[in-house]
């Protein structure tokens, strides 16, 4: 398995918009390496006779089915919007 580099930690941190000092980057590189080593061990398991499952314990879906029902018209929905644009809600930009 390849060693996790500080550059890789910086790249992932940048994607997540996180900032770390040099000591934290070193610690994260070690932790990420340990996590990936553990995941690699899981790949060694023989799962050929294990049936595919969506959950490890039997669970029942308690969500209701989607049903189309009457709703507000576009005009009614936008009636109290502070600044609708072309029949749509305008929201502040939050992503660079």
PDB file of N, CA and C in Angstrom:
ATOM      1  N   UNK A   1       0.836  -1.183   0.000  1.00  0.00           N
ATOM      2  CA  UNK A   1       0.000   0.000   0.000  1.00  0.00           C
ATOM      3  C   UNK A   1       0.885   1.252   0.000  1.00  0.00           C
ATOM      4  N   UNK A   2       0.467   2.238  -0.769  1.00  0.00           N
ATOM      5  CA  UNK A   2       1.232   3.480  -0.852  1.00  0.00           C
ATOM      6  C   UNK A   2       1.067   4.309   0.411  1.00  0.00           C
ATOM      7  N   UNK A   3       2.099   5.066   0.722  1.00  0.00           N
ATOM      8  CA  UNK A   3       2.063   5.960   1.866  1.00  0.00           C
ATOM      9  C   UNK A   3       1.263   7.208   1.479  1.00  0.00           C
ATOM     10  N   UNK A   4       0.434   7.691   2.401  1.00  0.00           N
ATOM     11  CA  UNK A   4      -0.330   8.918   2.175  1.00  0.00           C
ATOM     12  C   UNK A   4       0.624  10.101   2.316  1.00  0.00           C
ATOM     13  N   UNK A   5       0.651  10.955   1.310  1.00  0.00           N
ATOM     14  CA  UNK A   5       1.557  12.108   1.329  1.00  0.00           C
ATOM     15  C   UNK A   5       0.853  13.333   1.902  1.00  0.00           C
ATOM     16  N   UNK A   6       1.659  14.277   2.328  1.00  0.00           N
ATOM     17  CA  UNK A   6       1.116  15.545   2.824  1.00  0.00           C
ATOM     18  C   UNK A   6       0.361  16.253   1.700  1.00  0.00           C
ATOM     19  N   UNK A   7       0.843  16.117   0.466  1.00  0.00           N
ATOM     20  CA  UNK A   7       0.164  16.740  -0.679  1.00  0.00           C
ATOM     21  C   UNK A   7      -1.241  16.165  -0.850  1.00  0.00           C
ATOM     22  N   UNK A   8      -1.395  14.861  -0.643  1.00  0.00           N
ATOM     23  CA  UNK A   8      -2.718  14.244  -0.741  1.00  0.00           C
ATOM     24  C   UNK A   8      -3.637  14.749   0.367  1.00  0.00           C
ATOM     25  N   UNK A   9      -3.099  14.882   1.570  1.00  0.00           N
ATOM     26  CA  UNK A   9      -3.887  15.423   2.686  1.00  0.00           C
ATOM     27  C   UNK A   9      -4.311  16.851   2.367  1.00  0.00           C
ATOM     28  N   UNK A  10      -3.398  17.651   1.846  1.00  0.00           N
ATOM     29  CA  UNK A  10      -3.716  19.037   1.487  1.00  0.00           C
ATOM     30  C   UNK A  10      -4.782  19.091   0.398  1.00  0.00           C
ATOM     31  N   UNK A  11      -4.694  18.183  -0.573  1.00  0.00           N
ATOM     32  CA  UNK A  11      -5.674  18.153  -1.659  1.00  0.00           C
ATOM     33  C   UNK A  11      -7.072  17.836  -1.122  1.00  0.00           C
ATOM     34  N   UNK A  12      -7.168  16.805  -0.285  1.00  0.00           N
ATOM     35  CA  UNK A  12      -8.466  16.430   0.287  1.00  0.00           C
ATOM     36  C   UNK A  12      -8.987  17.548   1.189  1.00  0.00           C
ATOM     37  N   UNK A  13      -8.110  18.151   1.976  1.00  0.00           N
ATOM     38  CA  UNK A  13      -8.515  19.254   2.848  1.00  0.00           C
ATOM     39  C   UNK A  13      -9.038  20.424   2.018  1.00  0.00           C
ATOM     40  N   UNK A  14      -8.382  20.711   0.907  1.00  0.00           N
ATOM     41  CA  UNK A  14      -8.827  21.788   0.027  1.00  0.00           C
ATOM     42  C   UNK A  14     -10.205  21.488  -0.551  1.00  0.00           C
ATOM     43  N   UNK A  15     -10.431  20.251  -0.973  1.00  0.00           N
ATOM     44  CA  UNK A  15     -11.744  19.876  -1.506  1.00  0.00           C
ATOM     45  C   UNK A  15     -12.838  20.036  -0.460  1.00  0.00           C
ATOM     46  N   UNK A  16     -12.498  19.742   0.801  1.00  0.00           N
ATOM     47  CA  UNK A  16     -13.466  19.845   1.896  1.00  0.00           C
ATOM     48  C   UNK A  16     -13.488  21.248   2.498  1.00  0.00           C
ATOM     49  N   UNK A  17     -12.695  22.138   1.940  1.00  0.00           N
ATOM     50  CA  UNK A  17     -12.581  23.512   2.438  1.00  0.00           C
ATOM     51  C   UNK A  17     -12.169  23.540   3.914  1.00  0.00           C
ATOM     52  N   UNK A  18     -11.183  22.696   4.260  1.00  0.00           N
ATOM     53  CA  UNK A  18     -10.657  22.629   5.620  1.00  0.00           C
ATOM     54  C   UNK A  18      -9.219  23.119   5.622  1.00  0.00           C
ATOM     55  N   UNK A  19      -8.807  23.688   6.748  1.00  0.00           N
ATOM     56  CA  UNK A  19      -7.423  24.145   6.882  1.00  0.00           C
ATOM     57  C   UNK A  19      -6.795  23.453   8.083  1.00  0.00           C
ATOM     58  N   UNK A  20      -5.567  22.989   7.897  1.00  0.00           N
ATOM     59  CA  UNK A  20      -4.831  22.321   8.959  1.00  0.00           C
ATOM     60  C   UNK A  20      -3.421  22.877   9.022  1.00  0.00           C
ATOM     61  N   UNK A  21      -2.862  22.908  10.238  1.00  0.00           N
ATOM     62  CA  UNK A  21      -1.453  23.284  10.352  1.00  0.00           C
ATOM     63  C   UNK A  21      -0.602  22.062  10.018  1.00  0.00           C
ATOM     64  N   UNK A  22       0.709  22.247   9.964  1.00  0.00           N
ATOM     65  CA  UNK A  22       1.602  21.160   9.536  1.00  0.00           C
ATOM     66  C   UNK A  22       1.512  19.943  10.454  1.00  0.00           C
ATOM     67  N   UNK A  23       1.404  20.178  11.752  1.00  0.00           N
ATOM     68  CA  UNK A  23       1.305  19.064  12.707  1.00  0.00           C
ATOM     69  C   UNK A  23       0.023  18.259  12.476  1.00  0.00           C
ATOM     70  N   UNK A  24      -1.075  18.971  12.231  1.00  0.00           N
ATOM     71  CA  UNK A  24      -2.350  18.293  11.971  1.00  0.00           C
ATOM     72  C   UNK A  24      -2.299  17.499  10.664  1.00  0.00           C
ATOM     73  N   UNK A  25      -1.630  18.050   9.662  1.00  0.00           N
ATOM     74  CA  UNK A  25      -1.503  17.347   8.378  1.00  0.00           C
ATOM     75  C   UNK A  25      -0.736  16.040   8.551  1.00  0.00           C
ATOM     76  N   UNK A  26       0.339  16.079   9.334  1.00  0.00           N
ATOM     77  CA  UNK A  26       1.117  14.864   9.596  1.00  0.00           C
ATOM     78  C   UNK A  26       0.248  13.818  10.295  1.00  0.00           C
ATOM     79  N   UNK A  27      -0.500  14.254  11.299  1.00  0.00           N
ATOM     80  CA  UNK A  27      -1.363  13.348  12.063  1.00  0.00           C
ATOM     81  C   UNK A  27      -2.451  12.756  11.162  1.00  0.00           C
ATOM     82  N   UNK A  28      -3.045  13.593  10.321  1.00  0.00           N
ATOM     83  CA  UNK A  28      -4.089  13.121   9.406  1.00  0.00           C
ATOM     84  C   UNK A  28      -3.544  12.119   8.397  1.00  0.00           C
ATOM     85  N   UNK A  29      -2.340  12.349   7.917  1.00  0.00           N
ATOM     86  CA  UNK A  29      -1.739  11.411   6.960  1.00  0.00           C
ATOM     87  C   UNK A  29      -1.599  10.036   7.601  1.00  0.00           C
ATOM     88  N   UNK A  30      -1.156   9.994   8.845  1.00  0.00           N
ATOM     89  CA  UNK A  30      -1.005   8.723   9.561  1.00  0.00           C
ATOM     90  C   UNK A  30      -2.363   8.065   9.776  1.00  0.00           C
ATOM     91  N   UNK A  31      -3.359   8.854  10.179  1.00  0.00           N
ATOM     92  CA  UNK A  31      -4.699   8.311  10.423  1.00  0.00           C
ATOM     93  C   UNK A  31      -5.332   7.788   9.137  1.00  0.00           C
ATOM     94  N   UNK A  32      -5.203   8.540   8.055  1.00  0.00           N
ATOM     95  CA  UNK A  32      -5.771   8.098   6.778  1.00  0.00           C
ATOM     96  C   UNK A  32      -5.104   6.816   6.297  1.00  0.00           C
ATOM     97  N   UNK A  33      -3.815   6.729   6.504  1.00  0.00           N
ATOM     98  CA  UNK A  33      -3.086   5.524   6.121  1.00  0.00           C
ATOM     99  C   UNK A  33      -3.604   4.310   6.901  1.00  0.00           C
ATOM    100  N   UNK A  34      -3.843   4.486   8.198  1.00  0.00           N
ATOM    101  CA  UNK A  34      -4.356   3.395   9.034  1.00  0.00           C
ATOM    102  C   UNK A  34      -5.753   2.978   8.581  1.00  0.00           C
ATOM    103  N   UNK A  35      -6.579   3.945   8.234  1.00  0.00           N
ATOM    104  CA  UNK A  35      -7.938   3.645   7.760  1.00  0.00           C
ATOM    105  C   UNK A  35      -7.881   2.852   6.461  1.00  0.00           C
ATOM    106  N   UNK A  36      -7.049   3.286   5.535  1.00  0.00           N
ATOM    107  CA  UNK A  36      -6.946   2.595   4.250  1.00  0.00           C
ATOM    108  C   UNK A  36      -6.361   1.193   4.400  1.00  0.00           C
ATOM    109  N   UNK A  37      -5.442   1.013   5.348  1.00  0.00           N
ATOM    110  CA  UNK A  37      -4.904  -0.325   5.614  1.00  0.00           C
ATOM    111  C   UNK A  37      -6.006  -1.246   6.131  1.00  0.00           C
ATOM    112  N   UNK A  38      -6.870  -0.727   6.995  1.00  0.00           N
ATOM    113  CA  UNK A  38      -7.980  -1.523   7.519  1.00  0.00           C
ATOM    114  C   UNK A  38      -8.939  -1.904   6.388  1.00  0.00           C
ATOM    115  N   UNK A  39      -9.242  -0.959   5.524  1.00  0.00           N
ATOM    116  CA  UNK A  39     -10.134  -1.233   4.395  1.00  0.00           C
ATOM    117  C   UNK A  39      -9.522  -2.291   3.491  1.00  0.00           C
ATOM    118  N   UNK A  40      -8.212  -2.231   3.303  1.00  0.00           N
ATOM    119  CA  UNK A  40      -7.529  -3.233   2.481  1.00  0.00           C
ATOM    120  C   UNK A  40      -7.680  -4.624   3.095  1.00  0.00           C
ATOM    121  N   UNK A  41      -7.649  -4.727   4.414  1.00  0.00           N
ATOM    122  CA  UNK A  41      -7.853  -6.014   5.087  1.00  0.00           C
ATOM    123  C   UNK A  41      -9.248  -6.557   4.792  1.00  0.00           C
ATOM    124  N   UNK A  42     -10.233  -5.677   4.716  1.00  0.00           N
ATOM    125  CA  UNK A  42     -11.600  -6.112   4.416  1.00  0.00           C
ATOM    126  C   UNK A  42     -11.682  -6.743   3.029  1.00  0.00           C
ATOM    127  N   UNK A  43     -10.841  -6.299   2.111  1.00  0.00           N
ATOM    128  CA  UNK A  43     -10.828  -6.872   0.764  1.00  0.00           C
ATOM    129  C   UNK A  43     -10.356  -8.319   0.751  1.00  0.00           C
ATOM    130  N   UNK A  44      -9.688  -8.757   1.814  1.00  0.00           N
ATOM    131  CA  UNK A  44      -9.196 -10.127   1.897  1.00  0.00           C
ATOM    132  C   UNK A  44     -10.295 -11.119   2.277  1.00  0.00           C
ATOM    133  N   UNK A  45     -11.425 -10.629   2.770  1.00  0.00           N
ATOM    134  CA  UNK A  45     -12.513 -11.512   3.186  1.00  0.00           C
ATOM    135  C   UNK A  45     -13.150 -12.209   1.993  1.00  0.00           C
ATOM    136  N   UNK A  46     -13.460 -13.492   2.172  1.00  0.00           N
ATOM    137  CA  UNK A  46     -14.160 -14.253   1.137  1.00  0.00           C
ATOM    138  C   UNK A  46     -15.660 -14.045   1.332  1.00  0.00           C
ATOM    139  N   UNK A  47     -16.264 -13.319   0.433  1.00  0.00           N
ATOM    140  CA  UNK A  47     -17.697 -13.025   0.541  1.00  0.00           C
ATOM    141  C   UNK A  47     -18.506 -13.718  -0.551  1.00  0.00           C
ATOM    142  N   UNK A  48     -17.928 -14.731  -1.191  1.00  0.00           N
ATOM    143  CA  UNK A  48     -18.626 -15.415  -2.281  1.00  0.00           C
ATOM    144  C   UNK A  48     -19.929 -16.062  -1.833  1.00  0.00           C
ATOM    145  N   UNK A  49     -19.984 -16.597  -0.625  1.00  0.00           N
ATOM    146  CA  UNK A  49     -21.190 -17.275  -0.147  1.00  0.00           C
ATOM    147  C   UNK A  49     -22.055 -16.396   0.747  1.00  0.00           C
ATOM    148  N   UNK A  50     -21.774 -15.113   0.765  1.00  0.00           N
ATOM    149  CA  UNK A  50     -22.555 -14.183   1.575  1.00  0.00           C
ATOM    150  C   UNK A  50     -23.562 -13.496   0.662  1.00  0.00           C
ATOM    151  N   UNK A  51     -24.867 -13.638   0.959  1.00  0.00           N
ATOM    152  CA  UNK A  51     -25.862 -12.992   0.087  1.00  0.00           C
ATOM    153  C   UNK A  51     -25.779 -11.471   0.197  1.00  0.00           C
ATOM    154  N   UNK A  52     -25.997 -10.779  -0.917  1.00  0.00           N
ATOM    155  CA  UNK A  52     -25.975  -9.316  -0.866  1.00  0.00           C
ATOM    156  C   UNK A  52     -27.123  -8.802  -0.003  1.00  0.00           C
ATOM    157  N   UNK A  53     -26.846  -7.790   0.771  1.00  0.00           N
ATOM    158  CA  UNK A  53     -27.868  -7.208   1.647  1.00  0.00           C
ATOM    159  C   UNK A  53     -27.823  -5.695   1.532  1.00  0.00           C
ATOM    160  N   UNK A  54     -28.925  -5.089   1.884  1.00  0.00           N
ATOM    161  CA  UNK A  54     -28.940  -3.635   1.897  1.00  0.00           C
ATOM    162  C   UNK A  54     -28.689  -3.115   3.301  1.00  0.00           C
ATOM    163  N   UNK A  55     -28.798  -3.993   4.292  1.00  0.00           N
ATOM    164  CA  UNK A  55     -28.566  -3.601   5.677  1.00  0.00           C
ATOM    165  C   UNK A  55     -28.133  -4.833   6.454  1.00  0.00           C
ATOM    166  N   UNK A  56     -27.291  -4.659   7.446  1.00  0.00           N
ATOM    167  CA  UNK A  56     -26.771  -5.809   8.175  1.00  0.00           C
ATOM    168  C   UNK A  56     -27.783  -6.432   9.126  1.00  0.00           C
ATOM    169  N   UNK A  57     -28.818  -5.685   9.482  1.00  0.00           N
ATOM    170  CA  UNK A  57     -29.887  -6.249  10.314  1.00  0.00           C
ATOM    171  C   UNK A  57     -31.196  -6.122   9.547  1.00  0.00           C
ATOM    172  N   UNK A  58     -32.152  -7.020   9.803  1.00  0.00           N
ATOM    173  CA  UNK A  58     -33.417  -6.907   9.067  1.00  0.00           C
ATOM    174  C   UNK A  58     -34.175  -5.642   9.483  1.00  0.00           C
ATOM    175  N   UNK A  59     -34.435  -4.802   8.521  1.00  0.00           N
ATOM    176  CA  UNK A  59     -35.178  -3.574   8.794  1.00  0.00           C
ATOM    177  C   UNK A  59     -36.336  -3.469   7.816  1.00  0.00           C
ATOM    178  N   UNK A  60     -37.357  -2.770   8.236  1.00  0.00           N
ATOM    179  CA  UNK A  60     -38.534  -2.571   7.398  1.00  0.00           C
ATOM    180  C   UNK A  60     -38.596  -1.102   6.996  1.00  0.00           C
ATOM    181  N   UNK A  61     -38.866  -0.851   5.743  1.00  0.00           N
ATOM    182  CA  UNK A  61     -39.013   0.516   5.270  1.00  0.00           C
ATOM    183  C   UNK A  61     -40.336   1.066   5.784  1.00  0.00           C
ATOM    184  N   UNK A  62     -40.263   2.102   6.612  1.00  0.00           N
ATOM    185  CA  UNK A  62     -41.480   2.672   7.182  1.00  0.00           C
ATOM    186  C   UNK A  62     -41.896   3.956   6.471  1.00  0.00           C
ATOM    187  N   UNK A  63     -41.184   4.318   5.416  1.00  0.00           N
ATOM    188  CA  UNK A  63     -41.536   5.515   4.666  1.00  0.00           C
ATOM    189  C   UNK A  63     -42.777   5.247   3.818  1.00  0.00           C
ATOM    190  N   UNK A  64     -43.590   6.251   3.701  1.00  0.00           N
ATOM    191  CA  UNK A  64     -44.808   6.100   2.907  1.00  0.00           C
ATOM    192  C   UNK A  64     -44.487   6.282   1.426  1.00  0.00           C
ATOM    193  N   UNK A  65     -45.372   5.802   0.584  1.00  0.00           N
ATOM    194  CA  UNK A  65     -45.232   5.991  -0.862  1.00  0.00           C
ATOM    195  C   UNK A  65     -45.501   7.453  -1.202  1.00  0.00           C
ATOM    196  N   UNK A  66     -44.821   7.959  -2.208  1.00  0.00           N
ATOM    197  CA  UNK A  66     -45.086   9.314  -2.680  1.00  0.00           C
ATOM    198  C   UNK A  66     -46.415   9.333  -3.415  1.00  0.00           C
ATOM    199  N   UNK A  67     -47.251  10.303  -3.063  1.00  0.00           N
ATOM    200  CA  UNK A  67     -48.554  10.443  -3.703  1.00  0.00           C
ATOM    201  C   UNK A  67     -48.685  11.888  -4.166  1.00  0.00           C
ATOM    202  N   UNK A  68     -49.041  12.071  -5.431  1.00  0.00           N
ATOM    203  CA  UNK A  68     -49.229  13.413  -5.964  1.00  0.00           C
ATOM    204  C   UNK A  68     -50.531  13.972  -5.415  1.00  0.00           C
ATOM    205  N   UNK A  69     -50.458  15.165  -4.817  1.00  0.00           N
ATOM    206  CA  UNK A  69     -51.639  15.825  -4.254  1.00  0.00           C
ATOM    207  C   UNK A  69     -51.657  17.275  -4.722  1.00  0.00           C
ATOM    208  N   UNK A  70     -52.814  17.919  -4.667  1.00  0.00           N
ATOM    209  CA  UNK A  70     -52.879  19.335  -5.043  1.00  0.00           C
ATOM    210  C   UNK A  70     -51.930  20.157  -4.165  1.00  0.00           C
ATOM    211  N   UNK A  71     -51.353  21.200  -4.761  1.00  0.00           N
ATOM    212  CA  UNK A  71     -50.382  22.011  -4.041  1.00  0.00           C
ATOM    213  C   UNK A  71     -50.570  23.474  -4.419  1.00  0.00           C
ATOM    214  N   UNK A  72     -49.656  24.306  -3.955  1.00  0.00           N
ATOM    215  CA  UNK A  72     -49.706  25.725  -4.286  1.00  0.00           C
ATOM    216  C   UNK A  72     -49.346  25.946  -5.753  1.00  0.00           C
ATOM    217  N   UNK A  73     -49.947  26.960  -6.340  1.00  0.00           N
ATOM    218  CA  UNK A  73     -49.528  27.354  -7.689  1.00  0.00           C
ATOM    219  C   UNK A  73     -48.183  28.066  -7.567  1.00  0.00           C
ATOM    220  N   UNK A  74     -47.519  28.235  -8.679  1.00  0.00           N
ATOM    221  CA  UNK A  74     -46.229  28.931  -8.659  1.00  0.00           C
ATOM    222  C   UNK A  74     -46.396  30.337  -8.094  1.00  0.00           C
ATOM    223  N   UNK A  75     -47.448  31.021  -8.509  1.00  0.00           N
ATOM    224  CA  UNK A  75     -47.678  32.391  -8.043  1.00  0.00           C
ATOM    225  C   UNK A  75     -47.893  32.423  -6.534  1.00  0.00           C
ATOM    226  N   UNK A  76     -48.664  31.462  -6.009  1.00  0.00           N
ATOM    227  CA  UNK A  76     -48.907  31.409  -4.564  1.00  0.00           C
ATOM    228  C   UNK A  76     -47.611  31.106  -3.802  1.00  0.00           C
ATOM    229  N   UNK A  77     -46.817  30.212  -4.336  1.00  0.00           N
ATOM    230  CA  UNK A  77     -45.572  29.846  -3.670  1.00  0.00           C
ATOM    231  C   UNK A  77     -44.596  31.023  -3.636  1.00  0.00           C
ATOM    232  N   UNK A  78     -44.588  31.827  -4.688  1.00  0.00           N
ATOM    233  CA  UNK A  78     -43.657  32.952  -4.773  1.00  0.00           C
ATOM    234  C   UNK A  78     -44.213  34.246  -4.182  1.00  0.00           C
ATOM    235  N   UNK A  79     -45.447  34.226  -3.703  1.00  0.00           N
ATOM    236  CA  UNK A  79     -46.096  35.447  -3.224  1.00  0.00           C
ATOM    237  C   UNK A  79     -45.296  36.153  -2.131  1.00  0.00           C
ATOM    238  N   UNK A  80     -44.682  35.432  -1.231  1.00  0.00           N
ATOM    239  CA  UNK A  80     -43.931  36.054  -0.136  1.00  0.00           C
ATOM    240  C   UNK A  80     -42.415  35.976  -0.318  1.00  0.00           C
ATOM    241  N   UNK A  81     -41.966  35.555  -1.491  1.00  0.00           N
ATOM    242  CA  UNK A  81     -40.524  35.497  -1.749  1.00  0.00           C
ATOM    243  C   UNK A  81     -39.980  36.916  -1.819  1.00  0.00           C
ATOM    244  N   UNK A  82     -38.846  37.196  -1.170  1.00  0.00           N
ATOM    245  CA  UNK A  82     -38.327  38.565  -1.171  1.00  0.00           C
ATOM    246  C   UNK A  82     -37.930  39.070  -2.554  1.00  0.00           C
ATOM    247  N   UNK A  83     -37.406  38.196  -3.415  1.00  0.00           N
ATOM    248  CA  UNK A  83     -37.000  38.664  -4.747  1.00  0.00           C
ATOM    249  C   UNK A  83     -37.040  37.521  -5.758  1.00  0.00           C
ATOM    250  N   UNK A  84     -38.248  37.128  -6.206  1.00  0.00           N
ATOM    251  CA  UNK A  84     -38.319  36.069  -7.219  1.00  0.00           C
ATOM    252  C   UNK A  84     -37.724  36.549  -8.545  1.00  0.00           C
ATOM    253  N   UNK A  85     -37.119  35.608  -9.282  1.00  0.00           N
ATOM    254  CA  UNK A  85     -36.515  35.934 -10.577  1.00  0.00           C
ATOM    255  C   UNK A  85     -37.049  34.953 -11.606  1.00  0.00           C
ATOM    256  N   UNK A  86     -37.728  35.453 -12.620  1.00  0.00           N
ATOM    257  CA  UNK A  86     -38.268  34.624 -13.699  1.00  0.00           C
ATOM    258  C   UNK A  86     -39.088  33.448 -13.171  1.00  0.00           C
ATOM    259  N   UNK A  87     -39.905  33.693 -12.152  1.00  0.00           N
ATOM    260  CA  UNK A  87     -40.762  32.644 -11.614  1.00  0.00           C
ATOM    261  C   UNK A  87     -40.046  31.637 -10.733  1.00  0.00           C
ATOM    262  N   UNK A  88     -38.847  31.971 -10.265  1.00  0.00           N
ATOM    263  CA  UNK A  88     -38.065  31.074  -9.410  1.00  0.00           C
ATOM    264  C   UNK A  88     -37.642  31.802  -8.139  1.00  0.00           C
ATOM    265  N   UNK A  89     -37.317  31.040  -7.091  1.00  0.00           N
ATOM    266  CA  UNK A  89     -36.765  31.627  -5.878  1.00  0.00           C
ATOM    267  C   UNK A  89     -35.303  31.987  -6.120  1.00  0.00           C
ATOM    268  N   UNK A  90     -34.915  33.199  -5.740  1.00  0.00           N
ATOM    269  CA  UNK A  90     -33.505  33.575  -5.797  1.00  0.00           C
ATOM    270  C   UNK A  90     -32.938  33.416  -4.392  1.00  0.00           C
ATOM    271  N   UNK A  91     -31.813  32.702  -4.299  1.00  0.00           N
ATOM    272  CA  UNK A  91     -31.187  32.465  -2.997  1.00  0.00           C
ATOM    273  C   UNK A  91     -29.750  32.966  -3.038  1.00  0.00           C
ATOM    274  N   UNK A  92     -29.181  33.281  -1.869  1.00  0.00           N
ATOM    275  CA  UNK A  92     -27.799  33.757  -1.852  1.00  0.00           C
ATOM    276  C   UNK A  92     -26.822  32.670  -2.289  1.00  0.00           C
ATOM    277  N   UNK A  93     -25.766  33.083  -2.958  1.00  0.00           N
ATOM    278  CA  UNK A  93     -24.718  32.156  -3.385  1.00  0.00           C
ATOM    279  C   UNK A  93     -23.945  31.706  -2.144  1.00  0.00           C
ATOM    280  N   UNK A  94     -23.761  30.383  -2.004  1.00  0.00           N
ATOM    281  CA  UNK A  94     -23.020  29.877  -0.847  1.00  0.00           C
ATOM    282  C   UNK A  94     -21.790  29.075  -1.250  1.00  0.00           C
ATOM    283  N   UNK A  95     -21.623  28.779  -2.526  1.00  0.00           N
ATOM    284  CA  UNK A  95     -20.490  27.991  -3.006  1.00  0.00           C
ATOM    285  C   UNK A  95     -19.624  28.878  -3.879  1.00  0.00           C
ATOM    286  N   UNK A  96     -18.324  28.749  -3.690  1.00  0.00           N
ATOM    287  CA  UNK A  96     -17.401  29.565  -4.493  1.00  0.00           C
ATOM    288  C   UNK A  96     -17.424  29.151  -5.943  1.00  0.00           C
TER     289      UNK A  96
END
